[in-house]
N, C-alpha and C. Protein backbone atom coordinates (compact mmCIF):
# COMPACT_ATOMS: atom_id res chain seq x y z
N UNK A 1 24.65 7.34 -61.07
CA UNK A 1 24.93 8.29 -60.01
C UNK A 1 26.37 7.36 -59.29
N UNK A 2 26.15 7.24 -58.03
CA UNK A 2 27.26 6.87 -57.27
C UNK A 2 28.21 5.45 -57.51
N UNK A 3 29.23 5.38 -57.02
CA UNK A 3 29.94 3.84 -57.46
C UNK A 3 29.93 3.30 -55.87
N UNK A 4 29.66 3.83 -54.57
CA UNK A 4 29.86 3.58 -53.57
C UNK A 4 28.31 4.33 -52.41
N UNK A 5 27.83 3.10 -52.13
CA UNK A 5 26.70 3.82 -51.60
C UNK A 5 26.46 3.46 -50.06
N UNK A 6 26.11 4.42 -49.08
CA UNK A 6 25.94 3.81 -48.05
C UNK A 6 24.54 3.95 -47.57
N UNK A 7 23.83 2.46 -46.77
CA UNK A 7 22.35 2.47 -46.52
C UNK A 7 22.44 2.10 -45.24
N UNK A 8 22.02 3.34 -44.67
CA UNK A 8 21.69 3.08 -42.98
C UNK A 8 20.33 1.78 -42.86
N UNK A 9 20.33 0.88 -42.01
CA UNK A 9 19.88 -0.35 -41.87
C UNK A 9 19.16 -0.48 -40.72
N UNK A 10 18.09 -0.92 -40.40
CA UNK A 10 17.49 -0.99 -39.08
C UNK A 10 16.80 -1.99 -38.83
N UNK A 11 16.51 -2.69 -40.06
CA UNK A 11 15.52 -3.74 -39.93
C UNK A 11 14.13 -3.35 -40.63
N UNK A 12 13.46 -2.48 -40.01
CA UNK A 12 12.32 -2.06 -40.76
C UNK A 12 11.97 -1.93 -42.33
N UNK A 13 10.82 -1.98 -42.38
CA UNK A 13 10.55 -2.07 -43.77
C UNK A 13 10.82 -1.02 -44.77
N UNK A 14 10.84 0.23 -44.27
CA UNK A 14 11.50 1.33 -45.10
C UNK A 14 12.89 1.23 -45.09
N UNK A 15 13.64 0.74 -44.46
CA UNK A 15 14.91 0.85 -44.16
C UNK A 15 15.36 -0.50 -45.51
N UNK A 16 14.67 -2.04 -45.74
CA UNK A 16 14.68 -2.65 -46.05
C UNK A 16 14.27 -2.00 -47.65
N UNK A 17 13.21 -1.57 -47.91
CA UNK A 17 12.79 -1.06 -48.99
C UNK A 17 14.07 -0.05 -49.82
N UNK A 18 14.82 0.85 -48.68
CA UNK A 18 15.79 1.62 -48.99
C UNK A 18 17.03 0.65 -49.95
N UNK A 19 17.45 -0.42 -48.90
CA UNK A 19 18.34 -0.95 -49.44
C UNK A 19 18.00 -1.98 -50.93
N UNK A 20 16.78 -1.93 -50.90
CA UNK A 20 16.31 -3.05 -52.11
C UNK A 20 16.29 -1.73 -53.29
N UNK A 21 15.92 -0.47 -53.05
CA UNK A 21 16.29 0.36 -54.02
C UNK A 21 17.74 0.51 -54.63
N UNK A 22 18.38 0.18 -53.53
CA UNK A 22 19.82 0.57 -53.83
C UNK A 22 20.46 -0.12 -54.76
N UNK A 23 20.08 -1.75 -54.48
CA UNK A 23 20.38 -2.71 -54.98
C UNK A 23 20.17 -2.99 -56.46
N UNK A 24 18.65 -2.09 -56.67
CA UNK A 24 18.23 -2.58 -58.07
C UNK A 24 18.70 -1.49 -58.92
N UNK A 25 18.44 -0.14 -58.21
CA UNK A 25 18.91 1.06 -59.59
C UNK A 25 20.40 1.28 -59.83
N UNK A 26 21.27 0.66 -58.69
CA UNK A 26 22.51 1.03 -59.02
C UNK A 26 23.29 -0.36 -58.68
N UNK A 27 22.98 -1.31 -59.80
CA UNK A 27 23.36 -2.83 -60.14
C UNK A 27 25.02 -2.78 -59.79
N UNK A 28 25.87 -1.62 -60.51
CA UNK A 28 27.11 -1.74 -60.47
C UNK A 28 27.53 -1.13 -58.93
N UNK A 29 26.91 -0.60 -58.31
CA UNK A 29 27.63 0.03 -57.30
C UNK A 29 27.96 -0.94 -55.83
N UNK A 30 28.88 -0.41 -55.15
CA UNK A 30 29.32 -1.23 -54.04
C UNK A 30 28.20 -0.56 -53.12
N UNK A 31 27.95 -1.22 -52.31
CA UNK A 31 26.60 -1.07 -51.33
C UNK A 31 26.85 -1.25 -50.25
N UNK A 32 27.39 -0.68 -49.04
CA UNK A 32 27.42 -0.92 -47.55
C UNK A 32 26.07 -0.51 -46.69
N UNK A 33 26.05 -1.23 -46.08
CA UNK A 33 24.96 -1.39 -44.95
C UNK A 33 25.40 -1.16 -43.67
N UNK A 34 24.71 0.25 -43.31
CA UNK A 34 25.22 0.56 -41.66
C UNK A 34 24.41 0.16 -40.73
N UNK A 35 24.32 -0.57 -39.98
CA UNK A 35 23.40 -0.32 -38.50
C UNK A 35 23.98 0.59 -37.34
N UNK A 36 23.26 1.34 -36.93
CA UNK A 36 23.86 2.09 -35.66
C UNK A 36 23.04 1.67 -34.63
N UNK A 37 24.15 1.06 -33.33
CA UNK A 37 23.44 1.01 -32.08
C UNK A 37 23.13 2.28 -31.41
N UNK A 38 21.82 2.18 -31.25
CA UNK A 38 21.38 3.72 -30.71
C UNK A 38 21.61 4.09 -29.40
N UNK A 39 22.66 5.51 -29.00
CA UNK A 39 22.80 5.58 -27.65
C UNK A 39 22.31 7.15 -27.07
N UNK A 40 21.69 7.32 -26.56
CA UNK A 40 21.22 8.59 -26.28
C UNK A 40 22.57 9.64 -25.55
N UNK A 41 22.38 10.68 -25.90
CA UNK A 41 23.26 11.77 -25.66
C UNK A 41 23.48 11.74 -24.30
N UNK A 42 24.77 11.57 -24.25
CA UNK A 42 25.39 11.77 -22.69
C UNK A 42 25.12 10.55 -21.98
N UNK A 43 24.75 9.32 -22.58
CA UNK A 43 24.63 8.10 -21.80
C UNK A 43 26.08 7.45 -21.39
N UNK A 44 26.89 7.64 -22.07
CA UNK A 44 28.22 7.08 -21.62
C UNK A 44 28.97 7.58 -20.74
N UNK A 45 28.60 8.89 -20.49
CA UNK A 45 29.28 9.87 -19.43
C UNK A 45 28.68 9.76 -18.23
N UNK A 46 27.87 8.65 -17.63
CA UNK A 46 27.43 8.02 -16.91
C UNK A 46 28.18 7.18 -16.09
N UNK A 47 29.24 6.52 -17.04
CA UNK A 47 29.84 5.46 -16.57
C UNK A 47 31.46 6.21 -16.60
N UNK A 48 31.95 5.37 -15.08
CA UNK A 48 33.46 6.10 -14.96
C UNK A 48 34.44 5.65 -15.98
N UNK A 49 34.14 4.08 -16.11
CA UNK A 49 34.98 3.46 -17.03
C UNK A 49 34.44 2.55 -18.01
N UNK A 50 35.43 2.08 -19.41
CA UNK A 50 34.61 1.10 -20.03
C UNK A 50 34.40 -0.09 -19.56
N UNK A 51 35.09 -0.61 -18.53
CA UNK A 51 34.02 -2.16 -18.03
C UNK A 51 32.65 -2.06 -17.78
N UNK A 52 32.33 -0.61 -16.98
CA UNK A 52 31.12 -0.77 -16.35
C UNK A 52 29.95 -0.73 -17.64
N UNK A 53 30.37 -0.51 -18.46
CA UNK A 53 29.55 -0.49 -19.74
C UNK A 53 29.13 -1.95 -20.58
N UNK A 54 30.22 -2.72 -20.39
CA UNK A 54 30.52 -3.67 -21.29
C UNK A 54 29.30 -4.58 -21.48
N UNK A 55 28.87 -5.37 -20.78
CA UNK A 55 27.56 -6.20 -20.96
C UNK A 55 26.59 -5.61 -21.93
N UNK A 56 26.01 -4.56 -21.43
CA UNK A 56 24.66 -3.97 -22.26
C UNK A 56 25.23 -3.67 -23.81
N UNK A 57 26.21 -2.75 -24.14
CA UNK A 57 26.53 -2.43 -24.87
C UNK A 57 26.92 -4.08 -26.17
N UNK A 58 27.73 -4.91 -25.26
CA UNK A 58 27.95 -6.06 -26.12
C UNK A 58 26.51 -6.79 -26.27
N UNK A 59 25.54 -6.78 -25.49
CA UNK A 59 24.20 -6.91 -26.10
C UNK A 59 23.62 -6.40 -27.28
N UNK A 60 23.51 -5.19 -27.25
CA UNK A 60 23.22 -4.58 -28.06
C UNK A 60 23.74 -4.57 -29.69
N UNK A 61 25.41 -4.88 -29.41
CA UNK A 61 25.89 -5.25 -30.57
C UNK A 61 25.49 -6.40 -31.38
N UNK A 62 25.31 -7.36 -30.10
CA UNK A 62 24.78 -8.77 -30.76
C UNK A 62 23.33 -8.79 -31.83
N UNK A 63 22.76 -7.75 -31.03
CA UNK A 63 21.34 -7.56 -31.84
C UNK A 63 21.53 -7.07 -33.13
N UNK A 64 22.38 -5.82 -33.07
CA UNK A 64 22.90 -5.22 -34.26
C UNK A 64 23.54 -6.19 -35.15
N UNK A 65 24.49 -6.99 -34.93
CA UNK A 65 24.95 -7.92 -35.61
C UNK A 65 23.76 -8.80 -36.54
N UNK A 66 22.92 -9.32 -35.82
CA UNK A 66 21.47 -9.93 -36.65
C UNK A 66 20.89 -9.40 -37.30
N UNK A 67 20.76 -7.79 -37.56
CA UNK A 67 20.04 -7.00 -37.68
C UNK A 67 20.75 -6.86 -39.09
N UNK A 68 22.06 -6.80 -39.12
CA UNK A 68 22.32 -6.43 -40.20
C UNK A 68 23.02 -7.30 -41.21
N UNK A 69 22.69 -8.68 -40.43
CA UNK A 69 23.10 -10.09 -41.01
C UNK A 69 21.54 -10.32 -42.09
N UNK A 70 20.52 -9.55 -41.71
CA UNK A 70 19.31 -9.36 -42.46
C UNK A 70 19.42 -8.53 -43.61
N UNK A 71 19.93 -7.62 -43.86
CA UNK A 71 20.49 -6.69 -45.04
C UNK A 71 21.54 -7.60 -45.61
N UNK A 72 22.39 -8.49 -45.30
CA UNK A 72 23.29 -9.39 -46.28
C UNK A 72 22.01 -10.57 -46.76
N UNK A 73 21.00 -11.19 -45.81
CA UNK A 73 20.28 -11.74 -46.56
C UNK A 73 19.51 -11.13 -47.66
N UNK A 74 19.07 -9.78 -47.67
CA UNK A 74 18.39 -9.04 -48.71
C UNK A 74 19.09 -9.14 -49.81
N UNK A 75 20.52 -8.70 -49.59
CA UNK A 75 21.03 -8.28 -50.73
C UNK A 75 21.53 -9.84 -51.79
N UNK A 76 21.44 -11.00 -51.07
CA UNK A 76 21.97 -12.37 -51.38
C UNK A 76 20.40 -12.71 -52.46
N UNK A 77 19.52 -12.09 -51.65
CA UNK A 77 17.93 -12.79 -52.68
C UNK A 77 17.70 -11.77 -53.69
N UNK A 78 18.87 -10.85 -54.08
CA UNK A 78 19.10 -9.95 -54.99
C UNK A 78 20.42 -10.14 -56.05
N UNK A 79 20.73 -11.50 -55.37
CA UNK A 79 22.26 -12.15 -56.11
C UNK A 79 22.96 -10.93 -56.20
N UNK A 80 23.25 -10.28 -55.06
CA UNK A 80 24.19 -9.24 -54.52
C UNK A 80 25.19 -9.50 -53.48
N UNK A 81 26.09 -9.31 -53.16
CA UNK A 81 26.86 -8.86 -51.90
C UNK A 81 27.13 -7.84 -51.34
N UNK A 82 26.85 -7.20 -50.03
CA UNK A 82 27.12 -5.99 -49.86
C UNK A 82 28.18 -5.94 -48.51
N UNK A 83 28.86 -4.95 -48.26
CA UNK A 83 29.48 -4.95 -47.12
C UNK A 83 28.85 -4.29 -45.96
N UNK A 84 28.90 -4.83 -44.32
CA UNK A 84 28.19 -4.29 -43.50
C UNK A 84 28.96 -3.40 -42.49
N UNK A 85 28.65 -2.56 -41.87
CA UNK A 85 28.94 -2.01 -40.84
C UNK A 85 28.19 -1.84 -39.44
N UNK A 86 28.69 -1.70 -38.32
CA UNK A 86 28.24 -1.42 -37.27
C UNK A 86 28.78 -0.54 -36.48
N UNK A 87 28.00 0.72 -35.95
CA UNK A 87 28.34 1.73 -35.33
C UNK A 87 27.72 2.06 -34.24
N UNK A 88 28.10 2.87 -33.05
CA UNK A 88 27.02 3.07 -32.05
C UNK A 88 27.34 4.43 -31.63
N UNK A 89 26.28 5.03 -31.30
CA UNK A 89 25.96 6.65 -31.27
C UNK A 89 24.43 6.92 -31.65
N UNK A 90 24.32 8.10 -31.69
CA UNK A 90 23.16 8.68 -32.52
C UNK A 90 23.18 8.43 -33.70
N UNK A 91 22.28 7.76 -34.22
CA UNK A 91 22.39 7.22 -35.65
C UNK A 91 22.04 8.54 -36.66
N UNK A 92 21.49 9.51 -36.96
CA UNK A 92 22.37 10.71 -37.69
C UNK A 92 23.32 10.87 -37.39
N UNK A 93 23.78 11.33 -36.70
CA UNK A 93 25.28 11.48 -36.58
C UNK A 93 26.06 10.43 -36.84
N UNK A 94 26.08 9.20 -36.58
CA UNK A 94 27.00 8.61 -37.25
C UNK A 94 27.08 8.26 -38.67
N UNK A 95 25.57 8.25 -38.83
CA UNK A 95 25.43 8.24 -40.66
C UNK A 95 26.23 9.42 -41.36
N UNK A 96 26.34 10.72 -40.74
CA UNK A 96 26.68 11.74 -41.37
C UNK A 96 28.24 11.79 -41.17
N UNK A 97 28.76 11.35 -40.16
CA UNK A 97 30.11 11.04 -39.70
C UNK A 97 31.05 10.50 -40.54
N UNK A 98 29.79 9.22 -41.35
CA UNK A 98 30.69 8.26 -41.95
C UNK A 98 30.80 8.67 -43.43
N UNK A 99 29.63 9.64 -43.65
CA UNK A 99 29.55 9.87 -44.68
C UNK A 99 30.65 11.01 -45.06
N UNK A 100 31.03 11.76 -44.13
CA UNK A 100 31.94 12.70 -44.11
C UNK A 100 33.54 12.41 -44.11
N UNK A 101 33.43 11.13 -43.51
CA UNK A 101 34.96 10.20 -43.24
C UNK A 101 35.45 9.10 -44.34
N UNK A 102 34.12 8.70 -45.02
CA UNK A 102 34.28 7.56 -46.09
C UNK A 102 34.21 7.83 -47.25
N UNK A 103 34.53 7.04 -48.40
CA UNK A 103 34.64 7.38 -49.60
C UNK A 103 33.16 7.36 -50.23
N UNK A 104 32.08 7.80 -49.97
CA UNK A 104 30.67 7.38 -50.04
C UNK A 104 30.33 8.34 -51.26
N UNK A 105 29.34 7.84 -52.37
CA UNK A 105 28.93 9.34 -53.32
C UNK A 105 27.66 9.38 -52.79
N UNK A 106 26.95 8.39 -52.37
CA UNK A 106 25.48 8.60 -51.86
C UNK A 106 24.77 7.96 -50.82
N UNK A 107 24.07 8.45 -50.00
CA UNK A 107 23.36 7.62 -48.94
C UNK A 107 22.05 7.56 -49.37
N UNK A 108 21.54 6.11 -49.36
CA UNK A 108 20.04 6.11 -49.54
C UNK A 108 19.52 5.41 -48.34
N UNK A 109 18.39 6.10 -47.63
CA UNK A 109 18.05 5.80 -46.68
C UNK A 109 16.48 5.89 -46.55
N UNK A 110 15.88 4.84 -45.67
CA UNK A 110 14.48 4.87 -45.53
C UNK A 110 13.91 6.14 -44.87
N UNK A 111 12.55 6.60 -45.31
CA UNK A 111 12.03 7.55 -44.89
C UNK A 111 11.51 7.33 -43.47
N UNK A 112 11.67 6.67 -42.63
CA UNK A 112 11.23 6.47 -41.50
C UNK A 112 11.83 5.20 -40.79
N UNK A 113 11.95 4.87 -39.37
CA UNK A 113 12.38 3.53 -39.05
C UNK A 113 11.37 3.11 -38.37
N UNK A 114 11.50 2.16 -37.41
CA UNK A 114 10.57 1.27 -36.86
C UNK A 114 9.10 1.95 -36.59
N UNK A 115 8.45 1.13 -36.05
CA UNK A 115 7.06 1.73 -35.76
C UNK A 115 6.83 2.40 -34.18
N UNK A 116 5.64 2.73 -34.04
CA UNK A 116 5.58 3.62 -32.42
C UNK A 116 6.56 4.52 -31.99
N UNK A 117 6.84 4.59 -30.83
CA UNK A 117 7.95 5.74 -30.38
C UNK A 117 8.97 5.60 -31.42
N UNK A 118 9.48 4.60 -31.38
CA UNK A 118 11.01 4.47 -32.13
C UNK A 118 10.48 5.17 -33.68
N UNK A 119 9.51 4.86 -34.04
CA UNK A 119 9.14 5.30 -35.75
C UNK A 119 9.31 6.88 -35.43
N UNK A 120 8.68 7.75 -34.30
CA UNK A 120 8.95 9.09 -34.27
C UNK A 120 10.43 9.54 -34.33
N UNK A 121 11.35 8.58 -33.37
CA UNK A 121 12.38 9.16 -33.47
C UNK A 121 13.54 8.85 -34.23
N UNK A 122 13.12 7.51 -34.85
CA UNK A 122 14.20 7.47 -36.16
C UNK A 122 13.44 7.99 -37.56
N UNK A 123 12.28 8.50 -37.78
CA UNK A 123 11.69 9.68 -38.86
C UNK A 123 12.47 10.57 -38.80
N UNK A 124 13.01 11.05 -37.34
CA UNK A 124 14.10 12.36 -37.78
C UNK A 124 15.23 11.84 -38.18
N UNK A 125 15.64 10.43 -38.08
CA UNK A 125 17.21 10.63 -38.37
C UNK A 125 17.06 11.07 -40.19
N UNK A 126 16.35 10.54 -40.85
CA UNK A 126 16.12 10.89 -42.23
C UNK A 126 16.30 12.18 -42.47
N UNK A 127 15.46 12.94 -41.79
CA UNK A 127 15.52 14.48 -41.85
C UNK A 127 17.04 14.99 -41.51
N UNK A 128 17.17 14.68 -40.41
CA UNK A 128 18.59 15.15 -40.16
C UNK A 128 19.87 14.91 -41.00
N UNK A 129 19.86 13.61 -41.50
CA UNK A 129 20.65 12.92 -42.43
C UNK A 129 20.73 14.15 -43.71
N UNK A 130 19.73 14.03 -44.14
CA UNK A 130 19.46 15.02 -45.38
C UNK A 130 19.91 16.59 -45.21
N UNK A 131 19.71 17.14 -44.19
CA UNK A 131 20.07 18.15 -43.76
C UNK A 131 21.68 18.77 -43.77
N UNK A 132 22.34 17.36 -43.17
CA UNK A 132 23.63 17.51 -42.74
C UNK A 132 24.62 17.06 -43.49
N UNK A 133 24.00 16.10 -44.15
CA UNK A 133 25.00 15.19 -45.01
C UNK A 133 25.68 16.00 -46.13
N UNK A 134 27.26 15.57 -46.43
CA UNK A 134 28.00 16.43 -47.23
C UNK A 134 27.71 15.76 -48.53
N UNK A 135 27.20 14.58 -49.05
CA UNK A 135 26.66 14.10 -49.88
C UNK A 135 25.56 13.67 -50.56
N UNK A 136 24.98 13.46 -51.51
CA UNK A 136 23.75 13.32 -51.87
C UNK A 136 22.78 12.04 -51.10
N UNK A 137 21.82 12.42 -50.58
CA UNK A 137 21.01 11.46 -50.07
C UNK A 137 19.46 11.20 -50.93
N UNK A 138 19.34 9.68 -51.11
CA UNK A 138 18.09 9.71 -51.53
C UNK A 138 17.28 8.82 -50.31
N UNK A 139 15.77 9.61 -50.07
CA UNK A 139 15.20 9.13 -49.21
C UNK A 139 14.24 8.17 -50.09
N UNK A 140 13.83 7.02 -49.54
CA UNK A 140 13.21 5.90 -50.19
C UNK A 140 12.09 6.07 -49.38
N UNK A 141 10.74 5.83 -49.69
CA UNK A 141 9.24 5.70 -49.06
C UNK A 141 8.81 4.53 -49.46
């Protein structure tokens, strides 16, 4: 299948399983792990300028960098190097947008994200990506 894979990664067990699947099943592919700093719809509209939202988003990006570094470590454990990216927005929208604008052949995504309330919200991410993606999507359970 593809030469360049996009793997959304949030640090959850299903996301780790998806990354490991991509690394094992596509040994010659370039793998890009993506962490999306989740932001609810309309959130930024409440701020009159970008200076008002700086500290919180910076802290969220720091957390995102820590999570995406975990993805790099998973790849290193499989003797592979990966690229990493961090985006900000609604995870399903950002994943699909990157699939539309990037040179990706396939998305490999976990079936759901973190536990609890986040799991309910992030579980819909995989479904929305499958419905809206312009490229093939592999869902790993």
